[in-house]
Amino acid sequence: MLEGRDLIAQAQTGSGKTLAFALPIMERCDPSDRKVQALILTPTRELARQVGDVFHDLSKGSGLKVTLLYGGVAYGPQEKALHNGTHVVVGTPGRVLDHLRRRTLRVDKLQIMILDEADEMLDRGFAPDVERILAMTPRSRQTALFSATTPDWVHRIASKHLVEPEVVTSERIEELEPDIDQVVMEVYREDKFQVLVRLLKEELDGTTVVFGRTKHGVRNLGRKLEAMGFRVSVLQGNLGQNQRDREVARFREGHAKVLVATNVAARGLDILHIARVINYDIPDTPELFTHRVGRTGRMGRSGQAITLVAATDLSKLQEIERGIGRKLPRITSKGEPIAVKSAPTSARTPSRGFGRRRWSRRRAMA
């Protein structure tokens, strides 16, 4: 990064990717030039805020200004910050593109472009906006892609935008792997909601994130849990930004013990007190599965990950297991172990080293 090389960087969640691009940007930006010199694109507002917080902490006393650009809030304050001069912009593709088209954001002096969570950024839903933004930036820019997973198609798409990129993949050191006990809980003959309620009533030293598939489903699930007396925050894409901020703040500060969320919380939600992730609805891809589970077991802490599987989910579960390269341990809804067959042979995404040893011990102690 300091040499100005284009870069594709992959490292596991929690390994310090944000600092890996933030520190070189801090070194290379000139505080005396009020033009935008670095642009960081993120797939979600929450991740933009989180990256922005890192830059704000690092830039104290340096003279560098950081501006956040994302949707769900008024344009006025963002336009004012850009007019007054800023060195680093962190934003989501849609709002950044809007400012470029309005000419409130000018990037003629841009030196560094970062795509954070590049696999999602270059997915079909984001790629058009990202490519339009890239087309409006100087060709002489340095471009770097950072992500926890970089499937082959990310490299193919990146080849259009990067010049002889250096590819850096951090080695997976076993001692640094997340300490997460992961199981699949089969709920073939029980109501999935009642199983979830039973799990949430268990004693737990920390908070829980419950992932659902749709905005409507997550909203209804949150209401049902609140009606049963649980302290719940709900996070889904239809909320306005101020409301999203309030929900995350309630959960972060411990006022809510359960966060019910769509995949909007699968990336970038870095909260250390998350002790458990429950996949109420199984995700669509192995990559999303990896990111969801990675919300727990942060920074050397241990965590649990439970995936609730009905009979109709079996084919999707098999796809995920092929993607992560192994069979996941099974238990019944009562916590009893179920024998599983040998691991699948193919693997698109590296295994994160989740184990069953401590789960079995906890269940035995219970």
Protein backbone atom coordinates (compact mmCIF):
# COMPACT_ATOMS: atom_id res chain seq x y z
CA MET A 1 0.00 0.00 0.00
CA LEU A 2 2.78 2.45 0.86
CA GLU A 3 4.49 1.72 -2.46
CA GLY A 4 1.32 2.63 -4.35
CA ARG A 5 0.82 -0.84 -5.81
CA ASP A 6 -2.64 -2.12 -6.77
CA LEU A 7 -3.65 -4.84 -4.36
CA ILE A 8 -6.01 -7.73 -3.73
CA ALA A 9 -5.89 -8.60 -0.03
CA GLN A 10 -7.68 -11.43 1.72
CA ALA A 11 -7.55 -12.06 5.46
CA GLN A 12 -9.89 -13.55 8.00
CA THR A 13 -12.43 -11.44 9.87
CA GLY A 14 -10.94 -9.52 12.80
CA SER A 15 -7.37 -9.62 11.47
CA GLY A 16 -6.97 -5.87 10.97
CA LYS A 17 -7.84 -5.23 7.31
CA THR A 18 -9.13 -1.73 8.06
CA LEU A 19 -5.83 -0.67 9.61
CA ALA A 20 -3.99 -2.28 6.69
CA PHE A 21 -5.40 0.36 4.34
CA ALA A 22 -6.12 3.17 6.82
CA LEU A 23 -2.55 3.57 8.05
CA PRO A 24 -0.99 3.87 4.55
CA ILE A 25 -3.71 6.35 3.57
CA MET A 26 -2.88 8.43 6.65
CA GLU A 27 0.80 8.38 5.69
CA ARG A 28 0.25 9.37 2.06
CA CYS A 29 -2.46 12.04 2.31
CA ASP A 30 -1.34 15.68 2.32
CA PRO A 31 -3.25 17.71 4.97
CA SER A 32 -2.39 20.98 3.21
CA ASP A 33 -4.33 19.94 0.09
CA ARG A 34 -8.08 20.28 0.76
CA LYS A 35 -9.02 18.00 -2.16
CA VAL A 36 -10.26 14.39 -1.78
CA GLN A 37 -7.21 12.12 -1.94
CA ALA A 38 -8.64 8.77 -0.80
CA LEU A 39 -12.02 7.14 -1.38
CA ILE A 40 -13.19 4.01 0.47
CA LEU A 41 -16.33 2.23 -0.72
CA THR A 42 -18.20 -0.13 1.61
CA PRO A 43 -21.31 -2.24 0.95
CA THR A 44 -23.31 -1.05 3.98
CA ARG A 45 -23.89 2.12 5.96
CA GLU A 46 -22.89 0.37 9.18
CA LEU A 47 -19.53 -0.64 7.75
CA ALA A 48 -19.00 2.88 6.40
CA ARG A 49 -19.56 4.30 9.88
CA GLN A 50 -17.25 1.72 11.42
CA VAL A 51 -14.45 2.47 8.95
CA GLY A 52 -15.07 6.17 9.45
CA ASP A 53 -14.69 5.76 13.22
CA VAL A 54 -11.28 4.14 12.69
CA PHE A 55 -10.16 7.05 10.52
CA HIS A 56 -11.50 9.63 12.99
CA ASP A 57 -9.54 7.98 15.81
CA LEU A 58 -6.35 7.78 13.76
CA SER A 59 -6.58 11.31 12.35
CA LYS A 60 -6.82 13.21 15.64
CA GLY A 61 -4.20 15.94 15.59
CA SER A 62 -3.11 15.17 12.03
CA GLY A 63 -5.15 17.85 10.25
CA LEU A 64 -6.79 15.26 7.99
CA LYS A 65 -10.56 15.48 7.56
CA VAL A 66 -12.82 12.48 6.95
CA THR A 67 -16.33 12.66 5.48
CA LEU A 68 -18.94 9.89 5.45
CA LEU A 69 -21.33 9.59 2.50
CA TYR A 70 -24.25 7.15 2.73
CA GLY A 71 -27.97 7.10 2.10
CA GLY A 72 -30.88 7.43 4.48
CA VAL A 73 -29.79 10.89 5.66
CA ALA A 74 -30.01 14.41 4.18
CA TYR A 75 -27.62 15.58 1.48
CA GLY A 76 -27.11 19.03 3.02
CA PRO A 77 -24.60 18.25 5.80
CA GLN A 78 -22.64 15.96 3.47
CA GLU A 79 -22.48 18.63 0.76
CA LYS A 80 -21.33 21.20 3.31
CA ALA A 81 -18.54 18.94 4.56
CA LEU A 82 -17.36 18.32 1.00
CA HIS A 83 -17.50 22.05 0.16
CA ASN A 84 -15.41 22.89 3.24
CA GLY A 85 -12.72 20.46 2.11
CA THR A 86 -12.01 16.86 3.06
CA HIS A 87 -9.12 14.49 2.46
CA VAL A 88 -10.74 11.06 2.93
CA VAL A 89 -14.24 9.99 1.89
CA VAL A 90 -15.83 6.79 3.19
CA GLY A 91 -19.17 5.87 1.67
CA THR A 92 -21.60 3.47 0.06
CA PRO A 93 -21.70 3.24 -3.76
CA GLY A 94 -25.17 4.71 -4.30
CA ARG A 95 -24.64 7.91 -2.32
CA VAL A 96 -21.06 8.39 -3.54
CA LEU A 97 -22.27 8.11 -7.14
CA ASP A 98 -25.04 10.64 -6.43
CA HIS A 99 -22.51 13.18 -5.15
CA LEU A 100 -20.26 12.60 -8.14
CA ARG A 101 -23.16 13.24 -10.51
CA ARG A 102 -24.17 16.36 -8.54
CA ARG A 103 -20.54 17.50 -8.75
CA THR A 104 -20.52 18.03 -5.00
CA LEU A 105 -17.81 15.34 -4.82
CA ARG A 106 -14.77 15.94 -7.00
CA VAL A 107 -12.10 13.28 -7.36
CA ASP A 108 -9.62 14.83 -9.81
CA LYS A 109 -6.89 14.64 -7.12
CA LEU A 110 -7.80 11.12 -5.98
CA GLN A 111 -4.75 8.97 -5.28
CA ILE A 112 -6.16 5.89 -3.52
CA MET A 113 -9.37 3.91 -4.06
CA ILE A 114 -10.33 1.12 -1.65
CA LEU A 115 -13.11 -1.44 -2.14
CA ASP A 116 -13.80 -2.82 1.33
CA GLU A 117 -15.58 -6.20 1.48
CA ALA A 118 -14.78 -6.52 -2.20
CA ASP A 119 -16.62 -9.79 -2.75
CA GLU A 120 -19.95 -8.18 -1.89
CA MET A 121 -18.97 -4.86 -3.47
CA LEU A 122 -18.39 -6.52 -6.82
CA ASP A 123 -21.46 -8.71 -6.59
CA ARG A 124 -24.08 -8.16 -9.26
CA GLY A 125 -26.04 -5.72 -7.12
CA PHE A 126 -23.09 -3.36 -6.57
CA ALA A 127 -20.88 -3.84 -9.61
CA PRO A 128 -22.64 -1.33 -11.94
CA ASP A 129 -22.37 1.57 -9.48
CA VAL A 130 -18.80 0.64 -8.58
CA GLU A 131 -17.79 0.54 -12.25
CA ARG A 132 -19.41 3.95 -12.87
CA ILE A 133 -17.48 5.39 -9.92
CA LEU A 134 -14.21 3.87 -11.12
CA ALA A 135 -14.81 5.37 -14.57
CA MET A 136 -15.07 8.85 -13.00
CA THR A 137 -11.78 8.61 -11.09
CA PRO A 138 -8.25 9.22 -12.42
CA ARG A 139 -6.68 6.23 -14.17
CA SER A 140 -3.47 6.92 -12.25
CA ARG A 141 -5.15 6.04 -8.93
CA GLN A 142 -4.02 3.16 -6.74
CA THR A 143 -6.83 0.60 -6.32
CA ALA A 144 -6.99 -2.00 -3.56
CA LEU A 145 -9.58 -4.68 -2.79
CA PHE A 146 -9.90 -5.97 0.78
CA SER A 147 -12.12 -8.84 1.89
CA ALA A 148 -12.41 -11.88 4.12
CA THR A 149 -13.30 -14.02 1.08
CA THR A 150 -12.24 -13.54 -2.54
CA PRO A 151 -13.96 -16.06 -4.83
CA ASP A 152 -12.50 -16.62 -8.29
CA TRP A 153 -15.05 -14.33 -9.93
CA VAL A 154 -13.82 -11.43 -7.77
CA HIS A 155 -10.38 -11.85 -9.30
CA ARG A 156 -11.87 -11.97 -12.80
CA ILE A 157 -13.84 -8.75 -12.31
CA ALA A 158 -10.95 -7.07 -10.52
CA SER A 159 -8.68 -7.76 -13.49
CA LYS A 160 -10.61 -5.08 -15.39
CA HIS A 161 -9.88 -2.38 -12.83
CA LEU A 162 -6.47 -3.17 -11.30
CA VAL A 163 -3.03 -2.95 -12.89
CA GLU A 164 -0.70 -5.88 -12.14
CA PRO A 165 -2.08 -6.19 -8.60
CA GLU A 166 -0.13 -7.70 -5.77
CA VAL A 167 -2.18 -10.55 -4.29
CA VAL A 168 -1.79 -10.96 -0.54
CA THR A 169 -3.49 -13.77 1.38
CA SER A 170 -2.77 -14.05 5.07
CA GLU A 171 -1.88 -17.51 6.30
CA ARG A 172 -4.45 -19.11 8.55
CA ILE A 173 -2.60 -19.68 11.78
CA GLU A 174 -4.53 -22.21 13.84
CA GLU A 175 -3.97 -20.32 17.10
CA LEU A 176 -5.55 -17.22 15.55
CA GLU A 177 -8.65 -18.97 14.20
CA PRO A 178 -11.92 -17.82 15.80
CA ASP A 179 -12.83 -19.97 18.80
CA ILE A 180 -16.40 -20.69 17.73
CA ASP A 181 -18.42 -23.78 18.59
CA GLN A 182 -20.72 -24.39 15.68
CA VAL A 183 -23.61 -26.84 15.30
CA VAL A 184 -26.57 -27.51 13.07
CA MET A 185 -29.74 -27.98 15.10
CA GLU A 186 -32.29 -30.13 13.29
CA VAL A 187 -35.87 -28.91 13.89
CA TYR A 188 -37.77 -31.24 11.60
CA ARG A 189 -40.72 -31.90 13.90
CA GLU A 190 -40.85 -28.74 16.03
CA ASP A 191 -41.88 -25.17 15.47
CA LYS A 192 -38.70 -23.24 14.70
CA PHE A 193 -39.86 -20.18 16.63
CA GLN A 194 -40.43 -22.18 19.82
CA VAL A 195 -36.94 -23.65 19.48
CA LEU A 196 -35.52 -20.13 19.12
CA VAL A 197 -37.38 -18.96 22.23
CA ARG A 198 -36.00 -21.89 24.19
CA LEU A 199 -32.46 -21.04 23.09
CA LEU A 200 -32.84 -17.36 23.98
CA LYS A 201 -34.03 -18.28 27.47
CA GLU A 202 -30.77 -20.11 28.17
CA GLU A 203 -28.22 -18.38 30.40
CA LEU A 204 -25.57 -16.70 28.24
CA ASP A 205 -22.65 -14.46 29.08
CA GLY A 206 -23.15 -11.99 26.26
CA THR A 207 -25.60 -11.08 23.54
CA THR A 208 -27.12 -12.91 20.56
CA VAL A 209 -27.56 -12.04 16.88
CA VAL A 210 -30.45 -13.84 15.16
CA PHE A 211 -30.25 -13.78 11.35
CA GLY A 212 -33.36 -13.96 9.18
CA ARG A 213 -33.72 -13.98 5.41
CA THR A 214 -36.14 -11.15 4.59
CA LYS A 215 -36.88 -7.65 5.87
CA HIS A 216 -40.51 -8.53 6.51
CA GLY A 217 -39.63 -11.77 8.28
CA VAL A 218 -37.05 -10.08 10.50
CA ARG A 219 -39.49 -7.32 11.43
CA ASN A 220 -42.19 -9.83 12.41
CA LEU A 221 -39.74 -12.03 14.30
CA GLY A 222 -38.56 -9.04 16.33
CA ARG A 223 -42.14 -8.10 17.22
CA LYS A 224 -42.96 -11.66 18.34
CA LEU A 225 -39.86 -11.82 20.54
CA GLU A 226 -40.61 -8.42 22.07
CA ALA A 227 -44.16 -9.60 22.84
CA MET A 228 -42.62 -12.48 24.80
CA GLY A 229 -40.55 -10.10 26.91
CA PHE A 230 -37.16 -10.21 25.20
CA ARG A 231 -35.18 -6.97 24.84
CA VAL A 232 -34.74 -6.83 21.07
CA SER A 233 -33.18 -4.56 18.46
CA VAL A 234 -34.15 -5.05 14.82
CA LEU A 235 -31.89 -4.21 11.89
CA GLN A 236 -33.06 -4.41 8.28
CA GLY A 237 -32.65 -2.43 5.09
CA ASN A 238 -35.99 -0.60 5.09
CA LEU A 239 -35.17 1.37 8.23
CA GLY A 240 -34.08 4.99 7.88
CA GLN A 241 -30.48 5.70 8.84
CA ASN A 242 -31.32 7.40 12.14
CA GLN A 243 -33.46 4.45 13.14
CA ARG A 244 -30.75 1.98 12.10
CA ASP A 245 -28.24 3.92 14.18
CA ARG A 246 -30.55 3.82 17.20
CA GLU A 247 -31.11 0.07 16.89
CA VAL A 248 -27.40 -0.67 16.61
CA ALA A 249 -26.61 1.71 19.49
CA ARG A 250 -29.19 -0.01 21.76
CA PHE A 251 -27.59 -3.35 21.03
CA ARG A 252 -24.00 -2.11 21.24
CA GLU A 253 -24.64 -0.44 24.61
CA GLY A 254 -26.33 -3.53 26.04
CA HIS A 255 -29.87 -2.17 26.27
CA ALA A 256 -31.00 -4.98 23.97
CA LYS A 257 -29.76 -8.54 24.50
CA VAL A 258 -30.90 -9.80 21.09
CA LEU A 259 -30.33 -8.30 17.66
CA VAL A 260 -32.63 -9.68 14.93
CA ALA A 261 -31.18 -8.80 11.54
CA THR A 262 -31.02 -9.48 7.84
CA ASN A 263 -27.69 -9.91 6.06
CA VAL A 264 -27.15 -6.17 6.45
CA ALA A 265 -25.51 -7.11 9.79
CA ALA A 266 -23.46 -10.00 8.36
CA ARG A 267 -20.49 -7.76 7.59
CA GLY A 268 -18.82 -5.00 9.51
CA LEU A 269 -20.77 -5.39 12.76
CA ASP A 270 -17.81 -5.48 15.14
CA ILE A 271 -19.25 -5.78 18.66
CA LEU A 272 -17.18 -7.77 21.14
CA HIS A 273 -20.00 -8.83 23.46
CA ILE A 274 -21.74 -10.95 20.79
CA ALA A 275 -21.47 -14.43 22.32
CA ARG A 276 -23.77 -16.28 19.95
CA VAL A 277 -25.08 -16.22 16.39
CA ILE A 278 -28.28 -18.05 15.49
CA ASN A 279 -29.13 -18.64 11.85
CA TYR A 280 -32.91 -18.69 12.13
CA ASP A 281 -33.06 -18.76 8.33
CA ILE A 282 -30.16 -20.45 6.57
CA PRO A 283 -28.22 -18.05 4.28
CA ASP A 284 -28.07 -18.41 0.50
CA THR A 285 -24.31 -18.76 0.04
CA PRO A 286 -21.27 -20.18 1.88
CA GLU A 287 -19.73 -16.69 1.85
CA LEU A 288 -22.70 -15.18 3.69
CA PHE A 289 -22.62 -18.11 6.10
CA THR A 290 -18.97 -17.36 6.86
CA HIS A 291 -19.63 -13.66 7.43
CA ARG A 292 -22.69 -14.24 9.61
CA VAL A 293 -20.88 -16.67 11.90
CA GLY A 294 -17.91 -14.31 12.05
CA ARG A 295 -19.93 -11.81 14.08
CA THR A 296 -19.07 -13.83 17.19
CA GLY A 297 -15.70 -15.07 18.46
CA ARG A 298 -14.11 -11.65 17.85
CA MET A 299 -10.62 -10.63 18.99
CA GLY A 300 -9.73 -13.88 20.73
CA ARG A 301 -13.07 -14.36 22.44
CA SER A 302 -15.06 -17.58 22.20
CA GLY A 303 -18.52 -17.84 20.69
CA GLN A 304 -21.34 -20.12 19.59
CA ALA A 305 -23.03 -20.45 16.22
CA ILE A 306 -26.27 -22.40 15.83
CA THR A 307 -27.96 -22.98 12.50
CA LEU A 308 -31.62 -24.05 12.72
CA VAL A 309 -32.44 -26.41 9.87
CA ALA A 310 -35.88 -27.66 8.83
CA ALA A 311 -36.33 -30.49 6.35
CA THR A 312 -36.80 -27.99 3.51
CA ASP A 313 -33.37 -26.48 4.25
CA LEU A 314 -31.34 -29.64 3.67
CA SER A 315 -30.31 -28.97 0.07
CA LYS A 316 -29.14 -25.45 0.94
CA LEU A 317 -27.25 -26.78 3.96
CA GLN A 318 -25.46 -29.31 1.75
CA GLU A 319 -24.44 -26.51 -0.60
CA ILE A 320 -23.00 -24.53 2.29
CA GLU A 321 -21.14 -27.57 3.62
CA ARG A 322 -19.61 -28.14 0.19
CA GLY A 323 -18.58 -24.49 0.18
CA ILE A 324 -16.84 -24.59 3.56
CA GLY A 325 -15.37 -28.01 2.85
CA ARG A 326 -16.76 -30.12 5.69
CA LYS A 327 -19.81 -31.49 7.42
CA LEU A 328 -21.05 -29.52 10.41
CA PRO A 329 -21.86 -31.37 13.63
CA ARG A 330 -25.59 -32.04 14.16
CA ILE A 331 -27.68 -31.97 17.31
CA THR A 332 -31.37 -32.39 17.97
CA SER A 333 -33.47 -29.51 19.25
CA LYS A 334 -32.91 -31.00 22.72
CA GLY A 335 -29.13 -30.78 22.35
CA GLU A 336 -28.46 -34.47 21.71
CA PRO A 337 -25.65 -35.32 19.22
CA ILE A 338 -26.59 -36.82 15.85
CA ALA A 339 -24.14 -38.92 13.84
CA VAL A 340 -23.16 -37.38 10.50
CA LYS A 341 -21.53 -38.83 7.39
CA SER A 342 -18.05 -37.93 6.18
CA ALA A 343 -17.20 -34.44 4.93
CA PRO A 344 -17.99 -33.28 1.40
CA THR A 345 -15.07 -33.31 -1.00
CA SER A 346 -15.28 -29.87 -2.67
CA ALA A 347 -14.44 -26.57 -1.06
CA ARG A 348 -14.86 -23.07 -2.45
CA THR A 349 -14.36 -21.22 0.81
CA PRO A 350 -11.73 -22.12 3.44
CA SER A 351 -12.94 -23.70 6.65
CA ARG A 352 -12.87 -21.33 9.60
CA GLY A 353 -11.90 -24.05 12.06
CA PHE A 354 -15.20 -24.19 13.93
CA GLY A 355 -15.31 -27.10 16.34
CA ARG A 356 -17.75 -29.17 18.32
CA ARG A 357 -15.59 -30.04 21.29
CA ARG A 358 -16.62 -27.27 23.70
CA TRP A 359 -20.26 -27.37 22.58
CA SER A 360 -20.47 -31.01 23.64
CA ARG A 361 -18.81 -30.18 26.93
CA ARG A 362 -21.19 -27.29 27.61
CA ARG A 363 -24.19 -29.46 26.85
CA ALA A 364 -22.87 -32.20 29.11
CA MET A 365 -22.36 -29.68 31.95
CA ALA A 366 -25.88 -28.28 31.40
